[in-house]
Amino acid sequence: MMKLQPYGDSALLVSFEKRIDPAISQQVIALHKALKDHAGITFSIPAYQSLTLGFNSTYLNYNGLEKLVKATFDQLDEITTNSGRKVTIPVCYDDTYAPDMSEVTGLTGCSKQEIVQLHTSHEYHVYMLGFVAGFAYMGTLPEALKSPRKETPRLKVHQGAVGLAGLQTGIYPAEAPGGWQIIGTTPMKMFDPEKEKPNFLEAGDKVKFRAISEDEYKIIQLKIETEIFEPEISNG
């Protein structure tokens, strides 16, 4: 069920059922991709169960945008809603790179090896970007890895930190305050303001994590610094 309502004087909020579900997210993202470059639309922001569309009243009014959204949604097909990249992200889970691993073993009752195996065996859906530039909210974690946020957030979480919060996982694209449980670190950059598309991940992507050693971490880090690293990406 799709609901449309004004969002200020120059935006429209498109809402779906209020639950975290990849199928709902795929509809949101498909609608976002179909409309984001349409004449008169000034911005398009996908979230878990909603899409916010800004419009320029010179080209569109609220009623016109409402009709456009409804017509576009009716034309979305299964191929469109299942489109997205498949991305593999290398992660080092060694103790130096995983400051909260021991805490997560206590919270979940899983061993470190079980946590790594569970985290890397699952494919995650990127629901949205937010919090800080390039931070992708991904889910859904296996129930066995469900972990609460830290009671006292850190003032600084390092760039590339891979964390857990509830049934979500995410990667800190830059040093920032945060309360997610850090179980690993990737050498990859999730946000680069110098690039035409600064966000490495985007809503709709499918992500798998691959466990690497500290030596491989350093090799990949060097390849990234010398701009010869090729990320593992395929079309969905």
Protein backbone atom coordinates (compact mmCIF):
# COMPACT_ATOMS: atom_id res chain seq x y z
CA MET A 1 0.00 0.00 0.00
CA MET A 2 1.52 3.31 -1.11
CA LYS A 3 0.60 6.58 0.63
CA LEU A 4 1.36 10.06 -0.76
CA GLN A 5 1.38 13.25 1.28
CA PRO A 6 2.85 16.78 1.07
CA TYR A 7 6.19 17.28 2.80
CA GLY A 8 6.53 21.02 3.13
CA ASP A 9 5.67 23.29 0.21
CA SER A 10 7.95 21.71 -2.40
CA ALA A 11 8.28 18.03 -1.58
CA LEU A 12 6.25 14.83 -1.57
CA LEU A 13 6.59 11.95 0.89
CA VAL A 14 5.89 8.51 -0.57
CA SER A 15 5.32 5.98 2.23
CA PHE A 16 4.90 2.21 2.29
CA GLU A 17 4.08 -0.26 5.06
CA LYS A 18 6.11 0.55 8.20
CA ARG A 19 8.30 -2.51 8.53
CA ILE A 20 11.87 -3.35 7.53
CA ASP A 21 11.53 -5.63 4.52
CA PRO A 22 13.81 -6.00 1.47
CA ALA A 23 10.74 -6.28 -0.80
CA ILE A 24 9.46 -2.88 0.36
CA SER A 25 12.95 -1.40 0.07
CA GLN A 26 13.23 -2.69 -3.50
CA GLN A 27 10.01 -0.87 -4.41
CA VAL A 28 11.31 2.34 -2.81
CA ILE A 29 14.64 2.08 -4.63
CA ALA A 30 13.06 1.21 -7.98
CA LEU A 31 10.81 4.27 -7.70
CA HIS A 32 13.82 6.40 -6.69
CA LYS A 33 15.85 5.25 -9.72
CA ALA A 34 12.94 5.83 -12.08
CA LEU A 35 12.22 9.38 -10.87
CA LYS A 36 15.48 10.91 -9.60
CA ASP A 37 16.49 12.38 -12.97
CA HIS A 38 13.01 13.39 -14.11
CA ALA A 39 12.58 17.03 -15.15
CA GLY A 40 11.33 19.11 -12.24
CA ILE A 41 12.45 16.74 -9.49
CA THR A 42 15.13 18.46 -7.41
CA PHE A 43 16.05 15.59 -5.08
CA SER A 44 15.10 12.02 -4.29
CA ILE A 45 15.96 10.47 -0.92
CA PRO A 46 15.17 6.77 -0.34
CA ALA A 47 14.78 5.43 3.21
CA TYR A 48 13.67 2.11 4.71
CA GLN A 49 9.96 2.41 3.84
CA SER A 50 9.70 5.83 2.19
CA LEU A 51 10.90 8.10 -0.58
CA THR A 52 11.07 11.89 -0.29
CA LEU A 53 10.85 13.76 -3.59
CA GLY A 54 11.56 17.46 -3.96
CA PHE A 55 10.11 19.36 -6.90
CA ASN A 56 10.60 22.66 -8.72
CA SER A 57 7.22 24.35 -9.07
CA THR A 58 8.30 25.85 -12.40
CA TYR A 59 8.07 22.36 -13.90
CA LEU A 60 5.83 20.43 -11.52
CA ASN A 61 3.17 21.03 -8.91
CA TYR A 62 2.06 18.68 -6.16
CA ASN A 63 -0.83 17.19 -8.13
CA GLY A 64 1.35 16.66 -11.18
CA LEU A 65 4.04 14.92 -9.15
CA GLU A 66 1.44 12.76 -7.43
CA LYS A 67 0.14 11.57 -10.81
CA LEU A 68 3.70 10.97 -12.03
CA VAL A 69 4.55 8.86 -8.97
CA LYS A 70 1.39 6.75 -9.30
CA ALA A 71 1.92 6.17 -13.02
CA THR A 72 5.58 5.30 -12.54
CA PHE A 73 4.84 2.92 -9.68
CA ASP A 74 2.24 1.09 -11.77
CA GLN A 75 4.88 0.52 -14.45
CA LEU A 76 7.52 -0.97 -12.16
CA ASP A 77 8.11 -4.64 -12.88
CA GLU A 78 9.92 -7.48 -11.15
CA ILE A 79 13.11 -6.95 -13.16
CA THR A 80 13.27 -3.30 -12.17
CA THR A 81 12.61 -3.92 -8.49
CA ASN A 82 15.27 -6.63 -8.29
CA SER A 83 18.03 -4.62 -9.96
CA GLY A 84 21.15 -3.74 -7.99
CA ARG A 85 24.84 -4.49 -7.77
CA LYS A 86 26.44 -7.37 -5.90
CA VAL A 87 29.46 -6.13 -3.95
CA THR A 88 32.05 -8.10 -1.96
CA ILE A 89 33.82 -6.22 0.82
CA PRO A 90 37.02 -7.56 2.44
CA VAL A 91 37.10 -7.35 6.25
CA CYS A 92 39.83 -8.13 8.76
CA TYR A 93 38.31 -9.57 11.93
CA ASP A 94 41.63 -9.84 13.84
CA ASP A 95 41.61 -8.45 17.39
CA THR A 96 43.45 -5.24 16.45
CA TYR A 97 40.70 -4.42 13.95
CA ALA A 98 37.75 -5.63 16.05
CA PRO A 99 37.69 -3.77 19.39
CA ASP A 100 34.23 -5.07 20.36
CA MET A 101 34.61 -8.69 19.28
CA SER A 102 34.96 -9.97 22.86
CA GLU A 103 31.90 -7.97 23.93
CA VAL A 104 29.85 -9.38 21.05
CA THR A 105 30.90 -12.94 21.93
CA GLY A 106 29.54 -12.29 25.42
CA LEU A 107 26.32 -10.72 24.15
CA THR A 108 25.56 -13.42 21.58
CA GLY A 109 27.09 -16.52 23.14
CA CYS A 110 28.87 -17.16 19.84
CA SER A 111 32.61 -17.75 19.52
CA LYS A 112 34.73 -15.37 17.44
CA GLN A 113 34.93 -18.01 14.70
CA GLU A 114 31.14 -18.39 14.70
CA ILE A 115 30.64 -14.62 14.52
CA VAL A 116 32.97 -14.32 11.53
CA GLN A 117 31.38 -17.32 9.82
CA LEU A 118 27.86 -15.97 10.34
CA HIS A 119 28.76 -12.43 9.29
CA THR A 120 30.48 -13.55 6.08
CA SER A 121 27.99 -16.25 5.05
CA HIS A 122 25.05 -13.87 4.66
CA GLU A 123 24.14 -11.46 1.84
CA TYR A 124 23.00 -8.03 3.04
CA HIS A 125 20.62 -5.57 1.44
CA VAL A 126 21.57 -1.86 1.50
CA TYR A 127 18.40 -0.13 2.67
CA MET A 128 19.56 3.48 2.76
CA LEU A 129 22.46 5.87 3.31
CA GLY A 130 22.50 8.22 6.28
CA PHE A 131 24.01 9.21 9.65
CA VAL A 132 27.21 10.42 7.95
CA ALA A 133 28.01 10.67 4.23
CA GLY A 134 28.46 7.21 2.75
CA PHE A 135 27.18 5.22 5.75
CA ALA A 136 25.09 2.33 4.41
CA TYR A 137 22.46 0.70 6.62
CA MET A 138 22.48 -3.01 5.76
CA GLY A 139 20.42 -5.95 6.87
CA THR A 140 19.28 -8.31 7.92
CA LEU A 141 21.80 -9.94 10.26
CA PRO A 142 21.32 -13.56 11.29
CA GLU A 143 19.32 -13.58 14.55
CA ALA A 144 22.30 -15.13 16.36
CA LEU A 145 24.33 -11.94 15.76
CA LYS A 146 21.69 -9.54 17.08
CA SER A 147 23.56 -7.09 19.33
CA PRO A 148 22.50 -3.89 21.12
CA ARG A 149 24.32 -0.63 20.56
CA LYS A 150 26.98 0.19 23.13
CA GLU A 151 25.61 1.78 26.31
CA THR A 152 28.19 4.56 25.99
CA PRO A 153 28.96 5.51 22.37
CA ARG A 154 32.56 6.14 21.39
CA LEU A 155 33.57 9.71 20.62
CA LYS A 156 35.63 8.36 17.71
CA VAL A 157 35.06 5.25 15.62
CA HIS A 158 37.78 4.69 13.02
CA GLN A 159 37.23 4.82 9.26
CA GLY A 160 36.35 1.43 7.79
CA ALA A 161 35.01 0.03 11.07
CA VAL A 162 32.42 -2.71 10.48
CA GLY A 163 29.74 -2.68 13.14
CA LEU A 164 26.59 -4.38 14.38
CA ALA A 165 23.48 -2.75 15.87
CA GLY A 166 20.32 -4.73 16.40
CA LEU A 167 19.85 -6.76 13.23
CA GLN A 168 21.78 -4.24 11.11
CA THR A 169 25.39 -4.08 9.99
CA GLY A 170 27.25 -1.07 8.62
CA ILE A 171 30.63 0.43 7.77
CA TYR A 172 31.86 3.76 9.10
CA PRO A 173 32.99 5.73 6.01
CA ALA A 174 35.00 8.21 8.08
CA GLU A 175 36.06 8.74 11.68
CA ALA A 176 32.91 9.66 13.61
CA PRO A 177 31.18 9.22 16.97
CA GLY A 178 29.17 6.03 17.16
CA GLY A 179 27.71 3.28 19.28
CA TRP A 180 27.75 0.26 16.99
CA GLN A 181 29.62 -2.87 18.10
CA ILE A 182 32.82 -3.03 16.00
CA ILE A 183 33.74 -6.57 14.92
CA GLY A 184 36.12 -5.84 12.04
CA THR A 185 37.61 -3.28 9.67
CA THR A 186 37.71 -2.98 5.89
CA PRO A 187 40.55 -1.22 4.06
CA MET A 188 38.09 -0.03 1.42
CA LYS A 189 36.85 3.56 1.27
CA MET A 190 33.09 3.92 1.53
CA PHE A 191 33.14 7.65 0.75
CA ASP A 192 35.48 9.67 -1.46
CA PRO A 193 34.50 13.33 -2.05
CA GLU A 194 36.96 13.54 -4.96
CA LYS A 195 34.99 11.05 -7.06
CA GLU A 196 32.05 11.84 -9.32
CA LYS A 197 30.00 9.35 -7.28
CA PRO A 198 31.44 9.80 -3.77
CA ASN A 199 29.40 7.01 -2.13
CA PHE A 200 30.83 3.55 -2.80
CA LEU A 201 27.62 1.78 -1.79
CA GLU A 202 24.13 2.80 -2.81
CA ALA A 203 20.63 1.81 -1.78
CA GLY A 204 19.65 -1.47 -3.43
CA ASP A 205 23.12 -3.00 -3.48
CA LYS A 206 23.65 -6.53 -2.18
CA VAL A 207 26.75 -6.91 -0.01
CA LYS A 208 28.78 -9.90 1.12
CA PHE A 209 31.73 -9.67 3.48
CA ARG A 210 34.92 -11.69 2.93
CA ALA A 211 37.28 -12.43 5.82
CA ILE A 212 40.92 -11.44 5.20
CA SER A 213 44.15 -11.64 7.18
CA GLU A 214 46.07 -8.63 8.44
CA ASP A 215 48.64 -9.17 5.67
CA GLU A 216 45.94 -9.11 2.99
CA TYR A 217 44.44 -6.03 4.64
CA LYS A 218 47.74 -4.20 4.25
CA ILE A 219 48.14 -5.35 0.63
CA ILE A 220 44.66 -4.10 -0.28
CA GLN A 221 45.31 -0.86 1.59
CA LEU A 222 48.47 -0.31 -0.49
CA LYS A 223 46.62 -1.09 -3.72
CA ILE A 224 43.94 1.45 -2.80
CA GLU A 225 46.57 4.10 -2.04
CA THR A 226 48.26 3.48 -5.41
CA GLU A 227 44.87 3.31 -7.19
CA ILE A 228 45.30 -0.21 -8.56
CA PHE A 229 42.71 -1.96 -6.38
CA GLU A 230 39.73 -3.42 -8.24
CA PRO A 231 36.68 -3.99 -6.01
CA GLU A 232 34.59 -7.13 -6.54
CA ILE A 233 31.38 -5.85 -8.13
CA SER A 234 28.88 -7.57 -10.42
CA ASN A 235 25.45 -6.63 -11.69
CA GLY A 236 22.52 -8.13 -9.85
